[in-house]
């Protein structure tokens, strides 16, 4: 089984600040995404990953998945699915939207 790697908000902010190339993927339902998401994120609900990932992601992409909070397991499940599908450079921003807003950052609608 593929090992999921986690990143902190500091690591995510560093990637954004340094304008690193990566895909930020919100894995919550479309309605949750529309209510607010981390700026620059795309939405691929965890249940649609197997169909949608090949259309929206490349296996060479650096991918950061996230969901609602530490209590939400969708991002960890999504990271595992993507790793098993061959997206080897996938990490999980486990803190998700809650950590983002708790740190004072705005969500995009």
PDB file of N, CA and C in Angstrom:
ATOM      1  N   UNK A   1       0.849  -1.191   0.000  1.00  0.00           N
ATOM      2  CA  UNK A   1       0.000   0.000   0.000  1.00  0.00           C
ATOM      3  C   UNK A   1       0.892   1.252   0.000  1.00  0.00           C
ATOM      4  N   UNK A   2       0.486   2.245  -0.754  1.00  0.00           N
ATOM      5  CA  UNK A   2       1.256   3.487  -0.863  1.00  0.00           C
ATOM      6  C   UNK A   2       1.235   4.262   0.450  1.00  0.00           C
ATOM      7  N   UNK A   3       2.363   4.868   0.781  1.00  0.00           N
ATOM      8  CA  UNK A   3       2.461   5.662   2.001  1.00  0.00           C
ATOM      9  C   UNK A   3       2.054   7.092   1.706  1.00  0.00           C
ATOM     10  N   UNK A   4       1.111   7.604   2.503  1.00  0.00           N
ATOM     11  CA  UNK A   4       0.637   8.975   2.342  1.00  0.00           C
ATOM     12  C   UNK A   4       1.561   9.908   3.113  1.00  0.00           C
ATOM     13  N   UNK A   5       1.993  10.985   2.453  1.00  0.00           N
ATOM     14  CA  UNK A   5       2.805  12.003   3.114  1.00  0.00           C
ATOM     15  C   UNK A   5       1.920  13.204   3.394  1.00  0.00           C
ATOM     16  N   UNK A   6       2.107  13.805   4.582  1.00  0.00           N
ATOM     17  CA  UNK A   6       1.327  14.968   4.990  1.00  0.00           C
ATOM     18  C   UNK A   6       2.194  16.219   4.940  1.00  0.00           C
ATOM     19  N   UNK A   7       1.569  17.346   4.610  1.00  0.00           N
ATOM     20  CA  UNK A   7       2.277  18.618   4.683  1.00  0.00           C
ATOM     21  C   UNK A   7       1.517  19.564   5.617  1.00  0.00           C
ATOM     22  N   UNK A   8       2.257  20.487   6.198  1.00  0.00           N
ATOM     23  CA  UNK A   8       1.675  21.468   7.117  1.00  0.00           C
ATOM     24  C   UNK A   8       1.243  22.703   6.330  1.00  0.00           C
ATOM     25  N   UNK A   9       0.525  23.584   6.998  1.00  0.00           N
ATOM     26  CA  UNK A   9       0.138  24.833   6.344  1.00  0.00           C
ATOM     27  C   UNK A   9       1.376  25.647   5.983  1.00  0.00           C
ATOM     28  N   UNK A  10       2.411  25.587   6.817  1.00  0.00           N
ATOM     29  CA  UNK A  10       3.644  26.323   6.509  1.00  0.00           C
ATOM     30  C   UNK A  10       4.269  25.821   5.219  1.00  0.00           C
ATOM     31  N   UNK A  11       4.259  24.507   5.024  1.00  0.00           N
ATOM     32  CA  UNK A  11       4.815  23.948   3.794  1.00  0.00           C
ATOM     33  C   UNK A  11       3.983  24.355   2.576  1.00  0.00           C
ATOM     34  N   UNK A  12       2.660  24.360   2.728  1.00  0.00           N
ATOM     35  CA  UNK A  12       1.795  24.782   1.632  1.00  0.00           C
ATOM     36  C   UNK A  12       2.029  26.258   1.312  1.00  0.00           C
ATOM     37  N   UNK A  13       2.101  27.100   2.335  1.00  0.00           N
ATOM     38  CA  UNK A  13       2.335  28.528   2.118  1.00  0.00           C
ATOM     39  C   UNK A  13       3.683  28.771   1.453  1.00  0.00           C
ATOM     40  N   UNK A  14       4.679  27.996   1.822  1.00  0.00           N
ATOM     41  CA  UNK A  14       6.004  28.115   1.218  1.00  0.00           C
ATOM     42  C   UNK A  14       5.934  27.776  -0.278  1.00  0.00           C
ATOM     43  N   UNK A  15       5.195  26.728  -0.623  1.00  0.00           N
ATOM     44  CA  UNK A  15       5.038  26.351  -2.029  1.00  0.00           C
ATOM     45  C   UNK A  15       4.352  27.469  -2.803  1.00  0.00           C
ATOM     46  N   UNK A  16       3.316  28.077  -2.207  1.00  0.00           N
ATOM     47  CA  UNK A  16       2.583  29.164  -2.862  1.00  0.00           C
ATOM     48  C   UNK A  16       3.493  30.388  -3.000  1.00  0.00           C
ATOM     49  N   UNK A  17       4.167  30.759  -1.920  1.00  0.00           N
ATOM     50  CA  UNK A  17       5.036  31.941  -1.911  1.00  0.00           C
ATOM     51  C   UNK A  17       6.160  31.819  -2.933  1.00  0.00           C
ATOM     52  N   UNK A  18       6.709  30.627  -3.070  1.00  0.00           N
ATOM     53  CA  UNK A  18       7.815  30.400  -4.008  1.00  0.00           C
ATOM     54  C   UNK A  18       7.328  30.108  -5.426  1.00  0.00           C
ATOM     55  N   UNK A  19       6.006  30.231  -5.618  1.00  0.00           N
ATOM     56  CA  UNK A  19       5.381  29.996  -6.929  1.00  0.00           C
ATOM     57  C   UNK A  19       5.797  28.649  -7.534  1.00  0.00           C
ATOM     58  N   UNK A  20       5.830  27.654  -6.636  1.00  0.00           N
ATOM     59  CA  UNK A  20       6.158  26.304  -7.101  1.00  0.00           C
ATOM     60  C   UNK A  20       5.009  25.771  -7.947  1.00  0.00           C
ATOM     61  N   UNK A  21       5.327  24.902  -8.872  1.00  0.00           N
ATOM     62  CA  UNK A  21       4.348  24.297  -9.765  1.00  0.00           C
ATOM     63  C   UNK A  21       3.693  23.129  -9.026  1.00  0.00           C
ATOM     64  N   UNK A  22       2.401  23.241  -8.770  1.00  0.00           N
ATOM     65  CA  UNK A  22       1.668  22.118  -8.178  1.00  0.00           C
ATOM     66  C   UNK A  22       0.184  22.317  -8.414  1.00  0.00           C
ATOM     67  N   UNK A  23      -0.559  21.208  -8.318  1.00  0.00           N
ATOM     68  CA  UNK A  23      -2.014  21.238  -8.445  1.00  0.00           C
ATOM     69  C   UNK A  23      -2.592  21.089  -7.043  1.00  0.00           C
ATOM     70  N   UNK A  24      -3.435  22.047  -6.672  1.00  0.00           N
ATOM     71  CA  UNK A  24      -4.116  22.010  -5.381  1.00  0.00           C
ATOM     72  C   UNK A  24      -5.527  21.486  -5.642  1.00  0.00           C
ATOM     73  N   UNK A  25      -5.857  20.359  -5.017  1.00  0.00           N
ATOM     74  CA  UNK A  25      -7.119  19.675  -5.315  1.00  0.00           C
ATOM     75  C   UNK A  25      -7.983  19.570  -4.062  1.00  0.00           C
ATOM     76  N   UNK A  26      -9.142  20.217  -4.118  1.00  0.00           N
ATOM     77  CA  UNK A  26     -10.166  20.109  -3.078  1.00  0.00           C
ATOM     78  C   UNK A  26     -10.960  18.843  -3.404  1.00  0.00           C
ATOM     79  N   UNK A  27     -10.989  17.891  -2.469  1.00  0.00           N
ATOM     80  CA  UNK A  27     -11.634  16.605  -2.748  1.00  0.00           C
ATOM     81  C   UNK A  27     -13.020  16.486  -2.118  1.00  0.00           C
ATOM     82  N   UNK A  28     -13.571  17.621  -1.657  1.00  0.00           N
ATOM     83  CA  UNK A  28     -14.925  17.620  -1.096  1.00  0.00           C
ATOM     84  C   UNK A  28     -15.956  17.668  -2.219  1.00  0.00           C
ATOM     85  N   UNK A  29     -17.230  17.512  -1.855  1.00  0.00           N
ATOM     86  CA  UNK A  29     -18.315  17.571  -2.846  1.00  0.00           C
ATOM     87  C   UNK A  29     -18.348  18.931  -3.521  1.00  0.00           C
ATOM     88  N   UNK A  30     -18.912  18.973  -4.716  1.00  0.00           N
ATOM     89  CA  UNK A  30     -18.978  20.205  -5.503  1.00  0.00           C
ATOM     90  C   UNK A  30     -19.644  21.346  -4.733  1.00  0.00           C
ATOM     91  N   UNK A  31     -20.716  21.035  -3.988  1.00  0.00           N
ATOM     92  CA  UNK A  31     -21.407  22.070  -3.211  1.00  0.00           C
ATOM     93  C   UNK A  31     -20.509  22.688  -2.151  1.00  0.00           C
ATOM     94  N   UNK A  32     -19.712  21.847  -1.481  1.00  0.00           N
ATOM     95  CA  UNK A  32     -18.766  22.343  -0.470  1.00  0.00           C
ATOM     96  C   UNK A  32     -17.692  23.216  -1.120  1.00  0.00           C
ATOM     97  N   UNK A  33     -17.250  22.806  -2.299  1.00  0.00           N
ATOM     98  CA  UNK A  33     -16.236  23.570  -3.037  1.00  0.00           C
ATOM     99  C   UNK A  33     -16.770  24.956  -3.383  1.00  0.00           C
ATOM    100  N   UNK A  34     -18.019  25.007  -3.852  1.00  0.00           N
ATOM    101  CA  UNK A  34     -18.620  26.286  -4.251  1.00  0.00           C
ATOM    102  C   UNK A  34     -18.845  27.210  -3.061  1.00  0.00           C
ATOM    103  N   UNK A  35     -19.040  26.639  -1.868  1.00  0.00           N
ATOM    104  CA  UNK A  35     -19.211  27.452  -0.655  1.00  0.00           C
ATOM    105  C   UNK A  35     -17.919  28.153  -0.265  1.00  0.00           C
ATOM    106  N   UNK A  36     -16.803  27.613  -0.682  1.00  0.00           N
ATOM    107  CA  UNK A  36     -15.510  28.221  -0.386  1.00  0.00           C
ATOM    108  C   UNK A  36     -14.390  27.209  -0.456  1.00  0.00           C
ATOM    109  N   UNK A  37     -13.284  27.618  -1.108  1.00  0.00           N
ATOM    110  CA  UNK A  37     -12.130  26.735  -1.253  1.00  0.00           C
ATOM    111  C   UNK A  37     -10.850  27.563  -1.175  1.00  0.00           C
ATOM    112  N   UNK A  38      -9.741  26.903  -0.976  1.00  0.00           N
ATOM    113  CA  UNK A  38      -8.451  27.582  -0.939  1.00  0.00           C
ATOM    114  C   UNK A  38      -8.184  28.142  -2.333  1.00  0.00           C
ATOM    115  N   UNK A  39      -7.785  29.425  -2.423  1.00  0.00           N
ATOM    116  CA  UNK A  39      -7.569  30.049  -3.733  1.00  0.00           C
ATOM    117  C   UNK A  39      -6.643  29.213  -4.628  1.00  0.00           C
ATOM    118  N   UNK A  40      -7.082  29.066  -5.877  1.00  0.00           N
ATOM    119  CA  UNK A  40      -6.295  28.329  -6.863  1.00  0.00           C
ATOM    120  C   UNK A  40      -6.609  26.849  -6.945  1.00  0.00           C
ATOM    121  N   UNK A  41      -7.458  26.370  -6.049  1.00  0.00           N
ATOM    122  CA  UNK A  41      -7.773  24.934  -6.034  1.00  0.00           C
ATOM    123  C   UNK A  41      -8.718  24.562  -7.164  1.00  0.00           C
ATOM    124  N   UNK A  42      -8.601  23.316  -7.599  1.00  0.00           N
ATOM    125  CA  UNK A  42      -9.589  22.721  -8.493  1.00  0.00           C
ATOM    126  C   UNK A  42     -10.373  21.717  -7.663  1.00  0.00           C
ATOM    127  N   UNK A  43     -11.537  21.324  -8.145  1.00  0.00           N
ATOM    128  CA  UNK A  43     -12.387  20.408  -7.391  1.00  0.00           C
ATOM    129  C   UNK A  43     -12.500  19.071  -8.099  1.00  0.00           C
ATOM    130  N   UNK A  44     -12.045  18.033  -7.421  1.00  0.00           N
ATOM    131  CA  UNK A  44     -12.292  16.662  -7.875  1.00  0.00           C
ATOM    132  C   UNK A  44     -12.745  15.891  -6.632  1.00  0.00           C
ATOM    133  N   UNK A  45     -14.066  15.727  -6.448  1.00  0.00           N
ATOM    134  CA  UNK A  45     -14.546  14.990  -5.276  1.00  0.00           C
ATOM    135  C   UNK A  45     -13.916  13.602  -5.205  1.00  0.00           C
ATOM    136  N   UNK A  46     -13.612  13.165  -4.001  1.00  0.00           N
ATOM    137  CA  UNK A  46     -12.905  11.894  -3.807  1.00  0.00           C
ATOM    138  C   UNK A  46     -13.598  10.741  -4.530  1.00  0.00           C
ATOM    139  N   UNK A  47     -14.922  10.739  -4.556  1.00  0.00           N
ATOM    140  CA  UNK A  47     -15.656   9.667  -5.230  1.00  0.00           C
ATOM    141  C   UNK A  47     -15.524   9.675  -6.748  1.00  0.00           C
ATOM    142  N   UNK A  48     -15.071  10.788  -7.313  1.00  0.00           N
ATOM    143  CA  UNK A  48     -14.926  10.912  -8.770  1.00  0.00           C
ATOM    144  C   UNK A  48     -13.473  10.805  -9.236  1.00  0.00           C
ATOM    145  N   UNK A  49     -12.554  10.615  -8.308  1.00  0.00           N
ATOM    146  CA  UNK A  49     -11.131  10.647  -8.649  1.00  0.00           C
ATOM    147  C   UNK A  49     -10.737   9.696  -9.763  1.00  0.00           C
ATOM    148  N   UNK A  50     -11.207   8.464  -9.683  1.00  0.00           N
ATOM    149  CA  UNK A  50     -10.769   7.472 -10.671  1.00  0.00           C
ATOM    150  C   UNK A  50     -11.146   7.882 -12.085  1.00  0.00           C
ATOM    151  N   UNK A  51     -12.297   8.541 -12.249  1.00  0.00           N
ATOM    152  CA  UNK A  51     -12.719   8.997 -13.578  1.00  0.00           C
ATOM    153  C   UNK A  51     -12.116  10.341 -13.950  1.00  0.00           C
ATOM    154  N   UNK A  52     -12.067  11.269 -12.993  1.00  0.00           N
ATOM    155  CA  UNK A  52     -11.677  12.650 -13.294  1.00  0.00           C
ATOM    156  C   UNK A  52     -10.174  12.923 -13.258  1.00  0.00           C
ATOM    157  N   UNK A  53      -9.445  12.217 -12.410  1.00  0.00           N
ATOM    158  CA  UNK A  53      -8.002  12.492 -12.300  1.00  0.00           C
ATOM    159  C   UNK A  53      -7.285  12.410 -13.650  1.00  0.00           C
ATOM    160  N   UNK A  54      -7.528  11.367 -14.459  1.00  0.00           N
ATOM    161  CA  UNK A  54      -6.822  11.303 -15.744  1.00  0.00           C
ATOM    162  C   UNK A  54      -7.164  12.472 -16.688  1.00  0.00           C
ATOM    163  N   UNK A  55      -8.335  13.087 -16.511  1.00  0.00           N
ATOM    164  CA  UNK A  55      -8.743  14.206 -17.362  1.00  0.00           C
ATOM    165  C   UNK A  55      -8.118  15.524 -16.902  1.00  0.00           C
ATOM    166  N   UNK A  56      -7.853  15.659 -15.591  1.00  0.00           N
ATOM    167  CA  UNK A  56      -7.432  16.951 -15.039  1.00  0.00           C
ATOM    168  C   UNK A  56      -6.013  16.981 -14.500  1.00  0.00           C
ATOM    169  N   UNK A  57      -5.406  15.818 -14.320  1.00  0.00           N
ATOM    170  CA  UNK A  57      -4.072  15.755 -13.722  1.00  0.00           C
ATOM    171  C   UNK A  57      -3.138  14.924 -14.600  1.00  0.00           C
ATOM    172  N   UNK A  58      -1.854  15.212 -14.505  1.00  0.00           N
ATOM    173  CA  UNK A  58      -0.837  14.399 -15.161  1.00  0.00           C
ATOM    174  C   UNK A  58      -0.101  13.615 -14.092  1.00  0.00           C
ATOM    175  N   UNK A  59       0.372  12.440 -14.451  1.00  0.00           N
ATOM    176  CA  UNK A  59       1.066  11.602 -13.462  1.00  0.00           C
ATOM    177  C   UNK A  59       2.354  12.244 -12.972  1.00  0.00           C
ATOM    178  N   UNK A  60       2.876  13.207 -13.720  1.00  0.00           N
ATOM    179  CA  UNK A  60       4.105  13.890 -13.303  1.00  0.00           C
ATOM    180  C   UNK A  60       3.820  15.113 -12.432  1.00  0.00           C
ATOM    181  N   UNK A  61       2.546  15.509 -12.299  1.00  0.00           N
ATOM    182  CA  UNK A  61       2.187  16.688 -11.498  1.00  0.00           C
ATOM    183  C   UNK A  61       2.535  16.486 -10.034  1.00  0.00           C
ATOM    184  N   UNK A  62       2.920  17.584  -9.399  1.00  0.00           N
ATOM    185  CA  UNK A  62       3.014  17.614  -7.940  1.00  0.00           C
ATOM    186  C   UNK A  62       1.608  17.966  -7.471  1.00  0.00           C
ATOM    187  N   UNK A  63       1.007  17.129  -6.653  1.00  0.00           N
ATOM    188  CA  UNK A  63      -0.402  17.271  -6.278  1.00  0.00           C
ATOM    189  C   UNK A  63      -0.531  17.407  -4.764  1.00  0.00           C
ATOM    190  N   UNK A  64      -1.303  18.410  -4.344  1.00  0.00           N
ATOM    191  CA  UNK A  64      -1.635  18.588  -2.931  1.00  0.00           C
ATOM    192  C   UNK A  64      -3.145  18.449  -2.820  1.00  0.00           C
ATOM    193  N   UNK A  65      -3.608  17.463  -2.064  1.00  0.00           N
ATOM    194  CA  UNK A  65      -5.048  17.281  -1.850  1.00  0.00           C
ATOM    195  C   UNK A  65      -5.406  17.790  -0.460  1.00  0.00           C
ATOM    196  N   UNK A  66      -6.639  18.271  -0.322  1.00  0.00           N
ATOM    197  CA  UNK A  66      -7.119  18.684   1.003  1.00  0.00           C
ATOM    198  C   UNK A  66      -8.621  18.508   1.067  1.00  0.00           C
ATOM    199  N   UNK A  67      -9.140  18.524   2.310  1.00  0.00           N
ATOM    200  CA  UNK A  67     -10.591  18.463   2.514  1.00  0.00           C
ATOM    201  C   UNK A  67     -10.974  19.480   3.574  1.00  0.00           C
ATOM    202  N   UNK A  68     -11.831  19.114   4.509  1.00  0.00           N
ATOM    203  CA  UNK A  68     -12.366  20.082   5.448  1.00  0.00           C
ATOM    204  C   UNK A  68     -11.499  20.392   6.656  1.00  0.00           C
ATOM    205  N   UNK A  69     -10.914  19.349   7.257  1.00  0.00           N
ATOM    206  CA  UNK A  69     -10.173  19.538   8.506  1.00  0.00           C
ATOM    207  C   UNK A  69      -9.439  18.243   8.850  1.00  0.00           C
ATOM    208  N   UNK A  70      -8.754  18.277   9.994  1.00  0.00           N
ATOM    209  CA  UNK A  70      -8.079  17.060  10.462  1.00  0.00           C
ATOM    210  C   UNK A  70      -9.069  15.924  10.695  1.00  0.00           C
ATOM    211  N   UNK A  71     -10.322  16.247  11.048  1.00  0.00           N
ATOM    212  CA  UNK A  71     -11.316  15.212  11.322  1.00  0.00           C
ATOM    213  C   UNK A  71     -11.844  14.564  10.033  1.00  0.00           C
ATOM    214  N   UNK A  72     -11.652  15.207   8.918  1.00  0.00           N
ATOM    215  CA  UNK A  72     -12.127  14.708   7.622  1.00  0.00           C
ATOM    216  C   UNK A  72     -11.082  13.744   7.050  1.00  0.00           C
ATOM    217  N   UNK A  73     -11.525  12.611   6.565  1.00  0.00           N
ATOM    218  CA  UNK A  73     -10.588  11.620   6.024  1.00  0.00           C
ATOM    219  C   UNK A  73     -10.558  11.599   4.498  1.00  0.00           C
ATOM    220  N   UNK A  74     -11.348  12.460   3.858  1.00  0.00           N
ATOM    221  CA  UNK A  74     -11.441  12.438   2.394  1.00  0.00           C
ATOM    222  C   UNK A  74     -10.098  12.694   1.723  1.00  0.00           C
ATOM    223  N   UNK A  75      -9.305  13.641   2.251  1.00  0.00           N
ATOM    224  CA  UNK A  75      -8.036  13.959   1.587  1.00  0.00           C
ATOM    225  C   UNK A  75      -7.046  12.804   1.716  1.00  0.00           C
ATOM    226  N   UNK A  76      -7.022  12.145   2.861  1.00  0.00           N
ATOM    227  CA  UNK A  76      -6.114  11.007   3.029  1.00  0.00           C
ATOM    228  C   UNK A  76      -6.531   9.869   2.108  1.00  0.00           C
ATOM    229  N   UNK A  77      -7.838   9.629   2.011  1.00  0.00           N
ATOM    230  CA  UNK A  77      -8.336   8.603   1.082  1.00  0.00           C
ATOM    231  C   UNK A  77      -7.990   8.970  -0.352  1.00  0.00           C
ATOM    232  N   UNK A  78      -8.150  10.247  -0.698  1.00  0.00           N
ATOM    233  CA  UNK A  78      -7.849  10.719  -2.054  1.00  0.00           C
ATOM    234  C   UNK A  78      -6.367  10.558  -2.362  1.00  0.00           C
ATOM    235  N   UNK A  79      -5.510  10.926  -1.412  1.00  0.00           N
ATOM    236  CA  UNK A  79      -4.067  10.781  -1.621  1.00  0.00           C
ATOM    237  C   UNK A  79      -3.717   9.323  -1.876  1.00  0.00           C
ATOM    238  N   UNK A  80      -4.306   8.430  -1.095  1.00  0.00           N
ATOM    239  CA  UNK A  80      -4.030   6.996  -1.255  1.00  0.00           C
ATOM    240  C   UNK A  80      -4.491   6.521  -2.638  1.00  0.00           C
ATOM    241  N   UNK A  81      -5.677   6.930  -3.060  1.00  0.00           N
ATOM    242  CA  UNK A  81      -6.200   6.541  -4.375  1.00  0.00           C
ATOM    243  C   UNK A  81      -5.267   7.046  -5.479  1.00  0.00           C
ATOM    244  N   UNK A  82      -4.887   8.335  -5.404  1.00  0.00           N
ATOM    245  CA  UNK A  82      -4.020   8.899  -6.435  1.00  0.00           C
ATOM    246  C   UNK A  82      -2.660   8.208  -6.475  1.00  0.00           C
ATOM    247  N   UNK A  83      -2.093   7.934  -5.307  1.00  0.00           N
ATOM    248  CA  UNK A  83      -0.802   7.230  -5.268  1.00  0.00           C
ATOM    249  C   UNK A  83      -0.926   5.851  -5.916  1.00  0.00           C
ATOM    250  N   UNK A  84      -2.014   5.151  -5.607  1.00  0.00           N
ATOM    251  CA  UNK A  84      -2.222   3.813  -6.181  1.00  0.00           C
ATOM    252  C   UNK A  84      -2.463   3.886  -7.688  1.00  0.00           C
ATOM    253  N   UNK A  85      -2.996   5.031  -8.167  1.00  0.00           N
ATOM    254  CA  UNK A  85      -3.219   5.220  -9.607  1.00  0.00           C
ATOM    255  C   UNK A  85      -1.943   5.630 -10.340  1.00  0.00           C
ATOM    256  N   UNK A  86      -0.862   5.836  -9.593  1.00  0.00           N
ATOM    257  CA  UNK A  86       0.406   6.188 -10.228  1.00  0.00           C
ATOM    258  C   UNK A  86       0.774   7.656 -10.150  1.00  0.00           C
ATOM    259  N   UNK A  87      -0.009   8.457  -9.403  1.00  0.00           N
ATOM    260  CA  UNK A  87       0.322   9.868  -9.196  1.00  0.00           C
ATOM    261  C   UNK A  87       1.249   9.929  -7.983  1.00  0.00           C
ATOM    262  N   UNK A  88       2.522   9.618  -8.223  1.00  0.00           N
ATOM    263  CA  UNK A  88       3.484   9.379  -7.150  1.00  0.00           C
ATOM    264  C   UNK A  88       3.923  10.596  -6.365  1.00  0.00           C
ATOM    265  N   UNK A  89       3.625  11.789  -6.880  1.00  0.00           N
ATOM    266  CA  UNK A  89       4.060  13.013  -6.203  1.00  0.00           C
ATOM    267  C   UNK A  89       2.850  13.704  -5.577  1.00  0.00           C
ATOM    268  N   UNK A  90       2.068  12.933  -4.812  1.00  0.00           N
ATOM    269  CA  UNK A  90       0.855  13.429  -4.167  1.00  0.00           C
ATOM    270  C   UNK A  90       1.068  13.508  -2.660  1.00  0.00           C
ATOM    271  N   UNK A  91       0.664  14.653  -2.069  1.00  0.00           N
ATOM    272  CA  UNK A  91       0.726  14.828  -0.614  1.00  0.00           C
ATOM    273  C   UNK A  91      -0.626  15.320  -0.110  1.00  0.00           C
ATOM    274  N   UNK A  92      -0.834  15.168   1.186  1.00  0.00           N
ATOM    275  CA  UNK A  92      -2.097  15.520   1.825  1.00  0.00           C
ATOM    276  C   UNK A  92      -1.892  16.711   2.762  1.00  0.00           C
ATOM    277  N   UNK A  93      -2.581  17.830   2.450  1.00  0.00           N
ATOM    278  CA  UNK A  93      -2.624  18.955   3.395  1.00  0.00           C
ATOM    279  C   UNK A  93      -3.782  18.646   4.328  1.00  0.00           C
ATOM    280  N   UNK A  94      -3.488  17.908   5.390  1.00  0.00           N
ATOM    281  CA  UNK A  94      -4.500  17.331   6.267  1.00  0.00           C
ATOM    282  C   UNK A  94      -5.335  18.391   6.990  1.00  0.00           C
ATOM    283  N   UNK A  95      -4.752  19.543   7.305  1.00  0.00           N
ATOM    284  CA  UNK A  95      -5.489  20.576   8.038  1.00  0.00           C
ATOM    285  C   UNK A  95      -6.662  21.138   7.258  1.00  0.00           C
ATOM    286  N   UNK A  96      -6.559  21.130   5.940  1.00  0.00           N
ATOM    287  CA  UNK A  96      -7.647  21.534   5.063  1.00  0.00           C
ATOM    288  C   UNK A  96      -8.163  22.948   5.260  1.00  0.00           C
ATOM    289  N   UNK A  97      -9.440  23.118   4.879  1.00  0.00           N
ATOM    290  CA  UNK A  97     -10.056  24.451   4.914  1.00  0.00           C
ATOM    291  C   UNK A  97     -10.089  25.048   6.315  1.00  0.00           C
ATOM    292  N   UNK A  98     -10.283  24.217   7.336  1.00  0.00           N
ATOM    293  CA  UNK A  98     -10.370  24.739   8.698  1.00  0.00           C
ATOM    294  C   UNK A  98      -9.047  25.371   9.120  1.00  0.00           C
ATOM    295  N   UNK A  99      -7.951  24.692   8.901  1.00  0.00           N
ATOM    296  CA  UNK A  99      -6.641  25.246   9.259  1.00  0.00           C
ATOM    297  C   UNK A  99      -6.371  26.512   8.453  1.00  0.00           C
ATOM    298  N   UNK A 100      -6.719  26.501   7.175  1.00  0.00           N
ATOM    299  CA  UNK A 100      -6.523  27.666   6.301  1.00  0.00           C
ATOM    300  C   UNK A 100      -7.226  28.893   6.890  1.00  0.00           C
ATOM    301  N   UNK A 101      -8.503  28.727   7.253  1.00  0.00           N
ATOM    302  CA  UNK A 101      -9.262  29.870   7.779  1.00  0.00           C
ATOM    303  C   UNK A 101      -8.854  30.201   9.216  1.00  0.00           C
ATOM    304  N   UNK A 102      -8.499  29.189  10.011  1.00  0.00           N
ATOM    305  CA  UNK A 102      -8.037  29.444  11.383  1.00  0.00           C
ATOM    306  C   UNK A 102      -6.768  30.295  11.388  1.00  0.00           C
ATOM    307  N   UNK A 103      -5.966  30.179  10.327  1.00  0.00           N
ATOM    308  CA  UNK A 103      -4.729  30.969  10.214  1.00  0.00           C
ATOM    309  C   UNK A 103      -5.008  32.366   9.649  1.00  0.00           C
ATOM    310  N   UNK A 104      -6.283  32.662   9.389  1.00  0.00           N
ATOM    311  CA  UNK A 104      -6.656  34.000   8.948  1.00  0.00           C
ATOM    312  C   UNK A 104      -6.699  34.210   7.453  1.00  0.00           C
ATOM    313  N   UNK A 105      -6.613  33.126   6.685  1.00  0.00           N
ATOM    314  CA  UNK A 105      -6.656  33.235   5.229  1.00  0.00           C
ATOM    315  C   UNK A 105      -8.085  33.093   4.732  1.00  0.00           C
ATOM    316  N   UNK A 106      -8.376  33.799   3.646  1.00  0.00           N
ATOM    317  CA  UNK A 106      -9.717  33.791   3.054  1.00  0.00           C
ATOM    318  C   UNK A 106      -9.910  32.588   2.138  1.00  0.00           C
ATOM    319  N   UNK A 107     -11.148  32.150   2.033  1.00  0.00           N
ATOM    320  CA  UNK A 107     -11.522  31.146   1.045  1.00  0.00           C
ATOM    321  C   UNK A 107     -12.048  31.878  -0.183  1.00  0.00           C
ATOM    322  N   UNK A 108     -11.902  31.246  -1.327  1.00  0.00           N
ATOM    323  CA  UNK A 108     -12.372  31.797  -2.600  1.00  0.00           C
ATOM    324  C   UNK A 108     -13.713  31.141  -2.907  1.00  0.00           C
ATOM    325  N   UNK A 109     -14.623  31.902  -3.533  1.00  0.00           N
ATOM    326  CA  UNK A 109     -15.922  31.324  -3.911  1.00  0.00           C
ATOM    327  C   UNK A 109     -16.096  31.339  -5.399  1.00  0.00           C
TER     328      UNK A 109
END
